[in-house]
Amino acid sequence: MTPMSRKRKRRKQDREKTPRAQLAIIAGVLLLIGAVLILKIQKPAVGSAGFQDEPQAEAEVGLASPVAATAAPTSPPPTPTLSPEAYLDQSLDAGKPILAFFHSNTCVQCVRMTETVQQVYPDFADTVALVDVNVYDERNRQLLQRAGIRVIPTLIFIDRTGQGQGYTGVMEPEALRAELETLAEE
């Protein structure tokens, strides 16, 4: 066999293998796309809504538009006849300071922060409104978007003018008390 015929034979073999390899790659990509679509369509399990448990960080937060909120099972809504959304908006309209507490009932830091809020907040119940929001309750999705919540636990301290200051992570009882005292005095 001449060198030229060997090259032709090799090229012919390569051309025969190429469509198979291309089909295998295309099939793999299609399977991957299908898997991603299936995962996106499935309802997220508790604890997988994209929230992270992170240590302390502060950020300014605005809550200007009305949205839905639902009290977490750990405490009832402040006023039984009002929805949390109405309570939040009513408190904003009245110029009442607000503690908005975003958490879940499953993360360790959230449970610790819930205990701290339950320990400290009763002393301020007459002067500061509490909006207790479980982030995994689907009814709170708009509020989470409105507040830009991506990390839990998050506390937002909203003053009488509607300006908010956010805090993420576990806050010591003394620090929470100091923040609530400042809110109540403003």
Foldseek 3Di string as FASTA:
>chain_A
DDPVVVVVVVVVVVVVVVVVVVVVVVVVVVVVVVVVVVVVPDDDDPPPPQAAADAKDKDKWFQPDQAAFAADPVDHALDVVDGLSVVVVVCLVQLAKEKEWEEAPPDPQRVLQVVLCVVQVVVCVVRYHYGHGYPPPPRCVVVCVRGVHRYPGKIWIAASNRIIMMIHTHDDSVRVNVSSVVRSVD
